[in-house]
Amino acid sequence: MAEIAWSDERNKNEPNKVREFRKSLMKCPVVSQIFDPWYLDTNSKDKNAPIQNMQITDNEKTHVRHFDITILASEIL
């Protein structure tokens, strides 16, 4: 029940531009992880949906106000 309420609140407050940005990142071949205030995706290339950022664990709390994007590209040092 609490998870549904959290989802409803998140969906109501997540900006559309952020949602579209995340979708774009998930399609990018060099992006492997995306952590943000709304979702955590430890493997953006698998078939599993990102998990909700419920802001409970330390990792979730760490990403409350920013995006972390992991890029795997040999040309980036």
N, C-alpha and C. Protein backbone atom coordinates (compact mmCIF):
# COMPACT_ATOMS: atom_id res chain seq x y z
N MET A 1 0.82 -1.19 0.00
CA MET A 1 0.00 0.00 0.00
C MET A 1 0.87 1.26 0.00
N ALA A 2 1.87 1.28 0.87
CA ALA A 2 2.76 2.45 0.93
C ALA A 2 3.53 2.61 -0.38
N GLU A 3 3.90 1.48 -0.99
CA GLU A 3 4.64 1.54 -2.25
C GLU A 3 3.77 2.14 -3.37
N ILE A 4 2.50 1.82 -3.36
CA ILE A 4 1.58 2.38 -4.36
C ILE A 4 1.44 3.89 -4.16
N ALA A 5 1.30 4.29 -2.91
CA ALA A 5 1.19 5.73 -2.61
C ALA A 5 2.46 6.45 -3.04
N TRP A 6 3.62 5.83 -2.79
CA TRP A 6 4.89 6.42 -3.19
C TRP A 6 4.95 6.55 -4.72
N SER A 7 4.54 5.51 -5.42
CA SER A 7 4.54 5.55 -6.90
C SER A 7 3.64 6.66 -7.43
N ASP A 8 2.46 6.77 -6.85
CA ASP A 8 1.54 7.82 -7.28
C ASP A 8 2.14 9.20 -7.07
N GLU A 9 2.75 9.42 -5.91
CA GLU A 9 3.35 10.72 -5.60
C GLU A 9 4.53 11.00 -6.53
N ARG A 10 5.37 9.98 -6.75
CA ARG A 10 6.51 10.13 -7.65
C ARG A 10 6.05 10.46 -9.05
N ASN A 11 5.08 9.71 -9.55
CA ASN A 11 4.58 9.95 -10.92
C ASN A 11 3.99 11.34 -11.07
N LYS A 12 3.37 11.82 -10.03
CA LYS A 12 2.75 13.15 -10.07
C LYS A 12 3.81 14.25 -10.10
N ASN A 13 4.96 14.01 -9.47
CA ASN A 13 5.96 15.07 -9.30
C ASN A 13 7.20 14.94 -10.17
N GLU A 14 7.38 13.82 -10.83
CA GLU A 14 8.55 13.68 -11.70
C GLU A 14 8.33 14.48 -12.98
N PRO A 15 9.21 15.42 -13.27
CA PRO A 15 9.06 16.22 -14.50
C PRO A 15 9.14 15.35 -15.76
N ASN A 16 8.31 15.64 -16.73
CA ASN A 16 8.31 14.88 -17.98
C ASN A 16 9.66 14.93 -18.67
N LYS A 17 10.34 16.06 -18.60
CA LYS A 17 11.66 16.17 -19.25
C LYS A 17 12.66 15.22 -18.60
N VAL A 18 12.56 15.03 -17.31
CA VAL A 18 13.44 14.09 -16.62
C VAL A 18 13.12 12.66 -17.06
N ARG A 19 11.86 12.34 -17.14
CA ARG A 19 11.44 11.00 -17.58
C ARG A 19 11.95 10.72 -19.00
N GLU A 20 11.82 11.68 -19.88
CA GLU A 20 12.30 11.52 -21.25
C GLU A 20 13.82 11.42 -21.31
N PHE A 21 14.50 12.20 -20.49
CA PHE A 21 15.96 12.14 -20.42
C PHE A 21 16.41 10.75 -20.00
N ARG A 22 15.77 10.18 -18.97
CA ARG A 22 16.12 8.83 -18.51
C ARG A 22 15.88 7.81 -19.62
N LYS A 23 14.75 7.90 -20.31
CA LYS A 23 14.47 6.97 -21.41
C LYS A 23 15.54 7.06 -22.48
N SER A 24 15.98 8.26 -22.78
CA SER A 24 17.03 8.46 -23.77
C SER A 24 18.34 7.84 -23.30
N LEU A 25 18.68 8.05 -22.04
CA LEU A 25 19.91 7.46 -21.49
C LEU A 25 19.86 5.94 -21.55
N MET A 26 18.70 5.36 -21.27
CA MET A 26 18.58 3.90 -21.28
C MET A 26 18.81 3.32 -22.67
N LYS A 27 18.58 4.11 -23.69
CA LYS A 27 18.80 3.66 -25.07
C LYS A 27 20.24 3.87 -25.54
N CYS A 28 20.98 4.68 -24.82
CA CYS A 28 22.35 5.00 -25.21
C CYS A 28 23.25 3.79 -24.99
N PRO A 29 23.99 3.34 -26.00
CA PRO A 29 24.77 2.11 -25.89
C PRO A 29 25.90 2.15 -24.86
N VAL A 30 26.43 3.31 -24.53
CA VAL A 30 27.54 3.36 -23.57
C VAL A 30 27.09 3.57 -22.13
N VAL A 31 25.82 3.85 -21.90
CA VAL A 31 25.32 4.05 -20.53
C VAL A 31 24.97 2.69 -19.94
N SER A 32 25.57 2.39 -18.77
CA SER A 32 25.31 1.09 -18.15
C SER A 32 24.51 1.19 -16.85
N GLN A 33 24.55 2.33 -16.17
CA GLN A 33 23.80 2.51 -14.92
C GLN A 33 23.24 3.92 -14.86
N ILE A 34 22.06 4.03 -14.23
CA ILE A 34 21.44 5.34 -14.03
C ILE A 34 20.82 5.35 -12.63
N PHE A 35 21.30 6.23 -11.79
CA PHE A 35 20.73 6.41 -10.45
C PHE A 35 20.22 7.85 -10.37
N ASP A 36 18.97 8.02 -9.97
CA ASP A 36 18.41 9.37 -9.88
C ASP A 36 17.38 9.44 -8.76
N PRO A 37 16.82 10.60 -8.52
CA PRO A 37 15.88 10.75 -7.41
C PRO A 37 14.61 9.89 -7.53
N TRP A 38 14.28 9.41 -8.71
CA TRP A 38 13.04 8.67 -8.90
C TRP A 38 13.26 7.18 -9.10
N TYR A 39 14.36 6.80 -9.75
CA TYR A 39 14.63 5.39 -10.05
C TYR A 39 16.11 5.08 -9.92
N LEU A 40 16.39 3.78 -9.71
CA LEU A 40 17.76 3.27 -9.70
C LEU A 40 17.81 2.12 -10.69
N ASP A 41 18.73 2.20 -11.63
CA ASP A 41 18.88 1.14 -12.63
C ASP A 41 20.34 0.70 -12.63
N THR A 42 20.60 -0.45 -12.00
CA THR A 42 21.98 -0.92 -11.88
C THR A 42 22.50 -1.54 -13.17
N ASN A 43 21.60 -1.87 -14.10
CA ASN A 43 22.01 -2.40 -15.39
C ASN A 43 20.99 -1.94 -16.43
N SER A 44 21.28 -0.85 -17.07
CA SER A 44 20.32 -0.27 -18.02
C SER A 44 20.21 -1.08 -19.31
N LYS A 45 21.01 -2.12 -19.46
CA LYS A 45 20.98 -2.94 -20.67
C LYS A 45 20.22 -4.25 -20.49
N ASP A 46 19.82 -4.58 -19.26
CA ASP A 46 19.06 -5.81 -19.07
C ASP A 46 17.57 -5.55 -19.32
N LYS A 47 16.78 -6.58 -19.20
CA LYS A 47 15.34 -6.46 -19.45
C LYS A 47 14.56 -6.06 -18.20
N ASN A 48 15.24 -5.93 -17.06
CA ASN A 48 14.57 -5.57 -15.81
C ASN A 48 14.30 -4.07 -15.75
N ALA A 49 13.13 -3.75 -15.27
CA ALA A 49 12.77 -2.34 -15.10
C ALA A 49 13.59 -1.74 -13.95
N PRO A 50 13.88 -0.45 -14.01
CA PRO A 50 14.55 0.20 -12.88
C PRO A 50 13.69 0.08 -11.63
N ILE A 51 14.34 0.06 -10.47
CA ILE A 51 13.58 0.01 -9.22
C ILE A 51 13.28 1.44 -8.76
N GLN A 52 12.21 1.59 -8.03
CA GLN A 52 11.85 2.90 -7.49
C GLN A 52 12.88 3.35 -6.47
N ASN A 53 13.19 4.62 -6.49
CA ASN A 53 14.02 5.18 -5.43
C ASN A 53 13.07 5.56 -4.29
N MET A 54 12.98 4.66 -3.32
CA MET A 54 12.07 4.87 -2.18
C MET A 54 12.69 5.75 -1.10
N GLN A 55 13.97 6.12 -1.30
CA GLN A 55 14.69 7.00 -0.36
C GLN A 55 14.76 6.40 1.04
N ILE A 56 15.05 5.07 1.07
CA ILE A 56 15.17 4.36 2.35
C ILE A 56 16.62 3.96 2.61
N THR A 57 17.25 3.27 1.63
CA THR A 57 18.63 2.82 1.82
C THR A 57 19.59 4.00 1.67
N ASP A 58 20.83 3.79 2.12
CA ASP A 58 21.84 4.84 1.98
C ASP A 58 22.04 5.21 0.51
N ASN A 59 22.09 4.21 -0.37
CA ASN A 59 22.27 4.48 -1.80
C ASN A 59 21.10 5.29 -2.36
N GLU A 60 19.90 4.95 -1.96
CA GLU A 60 18.73 5.70 -2.42
C GLU A 60 18.78 7.14 -1.92
N LYS A 61 19.11 7.31 -0.66
CA LYS A 61 19.18 8.66 -0.08
C LYS A 61 20.28 9.49 -0.74
N THR A 62 21.37 8.83 -1.11
CA THR A 62 22.48 9.53 -1.77
C THR A 62 22.04 10.18 -3.07
N HIS A 63 21.09 9.56 -3.76
CA HIS A 63 20.68 10.03 -5.09
C HIS A 63 19.38 10.82 -5.09
N VAL A 64 19.02 11.38 -3.96
CA VAL A 64 17.77 12.13 -3.84
C VAL A 64 17.79 13.42 -4.66
N ARG A 65 18.96 14.01 -4.83
CA ARG A 65 19.01 15.34 -5.48
C ARG A 65 19.91 15.40 -6.71
N HIS A 66 20.30 14.24 -7.24
CA HIS A 66 21.15 14.29 -8.42
C HIS A 66 21.09 12.98 -9.20
N PHE A 67 21.55 13.01 -10.42
CA PHE A 67 21.71 11.84 -11.28
C PHE A 67 23.15 11.35 -11.18
N ASP A 68 23.33 10.04 -11.20
CA ASP A 68 24.63 9.42 -11.46
C ASP A 68 24.45 8.56 -12.70
N ILE A 69 25.32 8.74 -13.66
CA ILE A 69 25.25 7.99 -14.90
C ILE A 69 26.60 7.32 -15.10
N THR A 70 26.60 5.99 -15.23
CA THR A 70 27.83 5.25 -15.49
C THR A 70 27.94 5.01 -16.99
N ILE A 71 29.08 5.42 -17.53
CA ILE A 71 29.33 5.28 -18.96
C ILE A 71 30.52 4.36 -19.15
N LEU A 72 30.36 3.35 -19.99
CA LEU A 72 31.44 2.44 -20.32
C LEU A 72 31.87 2.69 -21.76
N ALA A 73 32.95 3.44 -21.89
CA ALA A 73 33.48 3.77 -23.21
C ALA A 73 34.99 3.86 -23.10
N SER A 74 35.69 3.05 -23.88
CA SER A 74 37.15 2.98 -23.78
C SER A 74 37.83 4.31 -24.12
N GLU A 75 37.18 5.14 -24.92
CA GLU A 75 37.81 6.41 -25.30
C GLU A 75 37.72 7.47 -24.20
N ILE A 76 36.95 7.21 -23.16
CA ILE A 76 36.86 8.14 -22.03
C ILE A 76 37.82 7.68 -20.95
N LEU A 77 38.72 8.54 -20.55
CA LEU A 77 39.70 8.17 -19.52
C LEU A 77 39.21 8.53 -18.16
